[in-house]
Amino acid sequence: MSNITAARFHDETAAREFLEATRWPHGPICPHCADVGRGYATKKPGVYRCASTQCRKDFSVTVGTLFERSHIPLHKWLLATHLLMSSKKVISAHQLWRMLDFGSYRTAWFMAMRIREALRPARGGTGKLGGANKVVEGDDTYVGGKAKNRKHHVPVKEAVFSLV
C-alpha cells in the first residue's frame, strides 16, 4: 500500500509522471494508431505528438482512460482512485468530498461514479474475475506478533493478501 502523502497525490507534475511511468514503461504509445515509443514531447508539458506520418496527432497519458477530458486535476483523480481502491469498505461520495476538499459535492459524486464505472467488466464479458462459473475469494491478514514476543530480527507485522 502506498502512502497518501506521496508527491503524486499532491502535485500535478508528479502525478502525470507517475501515470506515464506506469502506463508507458517503454515510452509513449499513440492511442490513435498504437505506434510504440515514437511519440515525441511538444512544448506543452505532458503532451506528445505521434511521429508516424499517417497519424501526427497530439495525445497525453490520460487519453483513453477515465481521467480523459476532465477539468479535475490529475493528482486529485489519483488520490480519489487510491482511496476508493484501498478502502476495506465502500467510501461514499460525501466522504470523498470531505477528504479531497472539493468545491462541490457533485464533483466528488462524478469522480466516484466514473471510477466505479471504469471497474465494471467490458461489454460481453462474464463479469467474474475467475471466469464463467468460477468463484474467487480474497482475504487479508497480518502476520507477526506483539513486539515483546518477537525474537531479535523478526520483521514487524506484515500484511498478507491471498486469492483463492
Protein backbone atom coordinates (compact mmCIF):
# COMPACT_ATOMS: atom_id res chain seq x y z
CA MET A 1 0.00 0.00 0.00
CA SER A 2 1.34 3.43 -0.83
CA ASN A 3 1.44 6.47 1.40
CA ILE A 4 -1.17 9.16 0.69
CA THR A 5 1.43 11.81 1.42
CA ALA A 6 3.37 10.77 -1.72
CA ALA A 7 4.04 13.58 -4.19
CA ARG A 8 1.87 12.03 -6.90
CA PHE A 9 -1.21 12.65 -4.75
CA HIS A 10 -0.45 16.35 -4.20
CA ASP A 11 1.49 17.61 -7.23
CA GLU A 12 0.16 17.70 -10.80
CA THR A 13 3.54 17.13 -12.48
CA ALA A 14 4.43 14.22 -10.19
CA ALA A 15 1.00 12.67 -10.84
CA ARG A 16 1.46 12.91 -14.62
CA GLU A 17 5.00 11.47 -14.44
CA PHE A 18 3.78 8.60 -12.24
CA LEU A 19 0.96 7.79 -14.66
CA GLU A 20 3.33 7.98 -17.65
CA ALA A 21 5.81 5.62 -15.99
CA THR A 22 3.03 3.21 -15.05
CA ARG A 23 1.13 3.26 -18.33
CA TRP A 24 4.09 3.63 -20.71
CA PRO A 25 7.14 1.83 -19.24
CA HIS A 26 8.77 1.63 -22.72
CA GLY A 27 7.93 5.12 -23.95
CA PRO A 28 4.76 6.85 -25.12
CA ILE A 29 2.21 4.85 -27.11
CA CYS A 30 -0.05 6.72 -29.50
CA PRO A 31 -3.66 5.87 -28.60
CA HIS A 32 -4.80 6.71 -32.15
CA CYS A 33 -2.52 4.43 -34.19
CA ALA A 34 -0.87 2.32 -31.41
CA ASP A 35 2.63 3.36 -32.50
CA VAL A 36 5.03 2.44 -29.67
CA GLY A 37 7.83 4.70 -28.48
CA ARG A 38 7.89 7.05 -31.48
CA GLY A 39 5.92 9.88 -29.89
CA TYR A 40 7.89 12.98 -29.04
CA ALA A 41 7.24 15.69 -26.47
CA THR A 42 5.78 19.00 -27.58
CA LYS A 43 6.26 22.37 -25.88
CA LYS A 44 3.24 21.75 -23.67
CA PRO A 45 4.14 19.63 -20.63
CA GLY A 46 2.65 16.15 -20.81
CA VAL A 47 1.53 16.47 -24.45
CA TYR A 48 3.13 14.22 -27.07
CA ARG A 49 2.84 14.08 -30.85
CA CYS A 50 2.86 10.87 -32.84
CA ALA A 51 5.85 10.61 -35.19
CA SER A 52 4.01 8.35 -37.63
CA THR A 53 3.48 10.17 -40.95
CA GLN A 54 -0.08 8.85 -41.23
CA CYS A 55 -1.14 9.98 -37.74
CA ARG A 56 0.74 13.06 -36.41
CA LYS A 57 -1.93 13.58 -33.70
CA ASP A 58 -1.34 15.05 -30.26
CA PHE A 59 -2.04 12.93 -27.19
CA SER A 60 -1.39 12.73 -23.46
CA VAL A 61 -1.24 9.94 -20.91
CA THR A 62 -4.90 10.46 -19.96
CA VAL A 63 -6.30 9.73 -23.44
CA GLY A 64 -8.37 6.55 -23.31
CA THR A 65 -8.58 6.49 -19.51
CA LEU A 66 -11.21 7.57 -17.02
CA PHE A 67 -9.18 10.76 -16.48
CA GLU A 68 -9.66 11.91 -20.07
CA ARG A 69 -11.39 15.24 -20.79
CA SER A 70 -11.68 16.20 -17.13
CA HIS A 71 -11.03 19.60 -15.61
CA ILE A 72 -10.32 17.99 -12.24
CA PRO A 73 -6.56 17.92 -11.52
CA LEU A 74 -4.90 14.58 -12.18
CA HIS A 75 -3.43 14.35 -8.67
CA LYS A 76 -6.96 14.55 -7.21
CA TRP A 77 -8.06 11.76 -9.55
CA LEU A 78 -5.16 9.56 -8.42
CA LEU A 79 -5.88 10.24 -4.75
CA ALA A 80 -9.60 9.53 -5.16
CA THR A 81 -8.83 6.30 -7.04
CA HIS A 82 -6.34 5.26 -4.37
CA LEU A 83 -8.79 5.97 -1.56
CA LEU A 84 -11.63 4.06 -3.23
CA MET A 85 -9.45 1.06 -4.12
CA SER A 86 -7.60 0.75 -0.81
CA SER A 87 -10.65 1.04 1.41
CA LYS A 88 -11.91 -2.16 3.01
CA LYS A 89 -15.47 -0.88 2.77
CA VAL A 90 -17.17 1.45 0.35
CA ILE A 91 -16.30 5.13 0.56
CA SER A 92 -19.30 7.33 -0.15
CA ALA A 93 -19.11 10.30 -2.47
CA HIS A 94 -19.85 12.51 0.54
CA GLN A 95 -16.81 11.12 2.39
CA LEU A 96 -14.70 11.61 -0.73
CA TRP A 97 -15.94 15.21 -0.92
CA ARG A 98 -14.89 15.85 2.68
CA MET A 99 -11.49 14.17 2.27
CA LEU A 100 -10.50 15.80 -1.02
CA ASP A 101 -11.85 19.25 -0.16
CA PHE A 102 -13.74 19.93 -3.39
CA GLY A 103 -15.84 23.00 -4.02
CA SER A 104 -18.98 20.96 -4.64
CA TYR A 105 -20.36 17.57 -3.74
CA ARG A 106 -21.31 16.98 -7.38
CA THR A 107 -17.62 16.83 -8.36
CA ALA A 108 -16.91 14.10 -5.81
CA TRP A 109 -20.04 12.20 -6.87
CA PHE A 110 -18.98 12.43 -10.53
CA MET A 111 -15.49 11.13 -9.73
CA ALA A 112 -16.78 8.25 -7.60
CA MET A 113 -19.26 7.19 -10.29
CA ARG A 114 -16.68 7.40 -13.07
CA ILE A 115 -14.16 5.33 -11.09
CA ARG A 116 -16.78 2.69 -10.28
CA GLU A 117 -17.93 2.59 -13.90
CA ALA A 118 -14.33 2.00 -15.02
CA LEU A 119 -14.22 -1.06 -12.76
CA ARG A 120 -17.20 -2.69 -14.44
CA PRO A 121 -16.38 -5.51 -16.87
CA ALA A 122 -16.35 -4.77 -20.58
CA ARG A 123 -19.50 -5.47 -22.53
CA GLY A 124 -19.79 -9.11 -23.43
CA GLY A 125 -17.54 -10.13 -20.54
CA THR A 126 -18.60 -12.61 -17.89
CA GLY A 127 -18.19 -10.08 -15.11
CA LYS A 128 -16.40 -12.61 -12.93
CA LEU A 129 -12.71 -12.49 -12.10
CA GLY A 130 -12.13 -16.25 -12.28
CA GLY A 131 -14.18 -16.74 -15.43
CA ALA A 132 -17.55 -18.27 -16.12
CA ASN A 133 -18.96 -20.34 -13.22
CA LYS A 134 -15.86 -19.74 -11.09
CA VAL A 135 -15.62 -18.19 -7.65
CA VAL A 136 -12.69 -16.10 -6.47
CA GLU A 137 -12.31 -15.42 -2.77
CA GLY A 138 -9.95 -12.85 -1.32
CA ASP A 139 -8.86 -12.20 2.23
CA ASP A 140 -6.17 -10.30 4.05
CA THR A 141 -4.48 -10.68 7.40
CA TYR A 142 -1.44 -9.53 9.32
CA VAL A 143 1.34 -11.98 10.16
CA GLY A 144 3.54 -11.30 13.18
CA GLY A 145 3.01 -10.90 16.87
CA LYS A 146 3.47 -8.34 19.57
CA ALA A 147 6.84 -6.61 19.73
CA LYS A 148 7.61 -8.01 23.18
CA ASN A 149 7.17 -11.60 21.92
CA ARG A 150 9.39 -11.31 18.84
CA LYS A 151 12.93 -12.60 18.77
CA HIS A 152 15.85 -10.47 17.63
CA HIS A 153 15.39 -9.52 13.94
CA VAL A 154 11.97 -10.87 13.15
CA PRO A 155 10.16 -8.34 10.93
CA VAL A 156 7.31 -6.24 12.22
CA LYS A 157 3.78 -7.27 11.28
CA GLU A 158 3.44 -7.89 7.55
CA ALA A 159 0.21 -7.54 5.59
CA VAL A 160 -0.66 -10.66 3.56
CA PHE A 161 -3.38 -10.79 0.88
CA SER A 162 -4.46 -14.01 -0.79
CA LEU A 163 -6.82 -15.02 -3.59
CA VAL A 164 -8.31 -18.49 -3.86
